[in-house]
Each structure stands twice: as C-alpha cells, then as structure tokens.
Amino acid sequence: QAQVVESGGGSVQPGESLRLACTTSENILSFDFMSWYRQAPGKQREWVANTKPDYIESVKGRFTVSRDTGKNTLYLQMNSLRTEDTGTYYCKADRGVRIYWGQGTQVTVSS
C-alpha cells in the first residue's frame, strides 16, 4: 500500500510564503495524477491544485505545483499567503482505482 506524507506547514503572516512537500513511498511517476486539497475549520475539503497543472481561481498566480521525481516529492509553493489560505493541506495521489491521501499538514496565516 503506497503512502503519501505531507510536510512543510506552519504559521506565517499574510504576504509570506511556505512550501509544502508531499513525499510518496513509491515511485512518484507510478501515480496517474496528484493533487493538493485543503480544509479550513468548519468547511468542506476543497481542491486547490493538481499536476496538470491547474489551480483553483483564488490561488492562481500565487501557488505553484512542481515535482522532484528523484525525491518522489510533489511540492506546493505558496506565495503571498492570505488569511483565507488557512487550513489543513492534504496531498492526494491517484493510481487506477486506488486513491491515497496523506495525513495533512497545517497552514495558519495570521497577523
């Protein structure tokens, strides 16, 4: 069973940056598709970005997805962070009919 592990979350002020990482236990190229989701307190989990790449409108121009195949790691570079970006960020990996989720990493943007 493949595993995905997120890291890189933290507490920052508005306007600052963070880079999240999602490391897979198997060759990252073996997954058909990978995505980032987030869940704010009291809200449903929402899709943020994927490896197409494509982005939710609210993060376009601020977030960038990239991948290091040598490290089996997917990144989410988040710049110009806003308070509304606060939430738990999850990595999702798809392979055939199987879906793998990480445990999430917390991002808090507050002044």
Foldseek 3Di string as FASTA:
>chain_A
DKAKAKDWADEEAAQAKTKMKIAIPDQLVQFPWKFKWWDAPPGDIGTAAIDVTDGDPVQPPFWDWDDDRVRRMIMIIGGRDDQVVWGWMKMWTHHPPDIYIYPTDGHGYHD
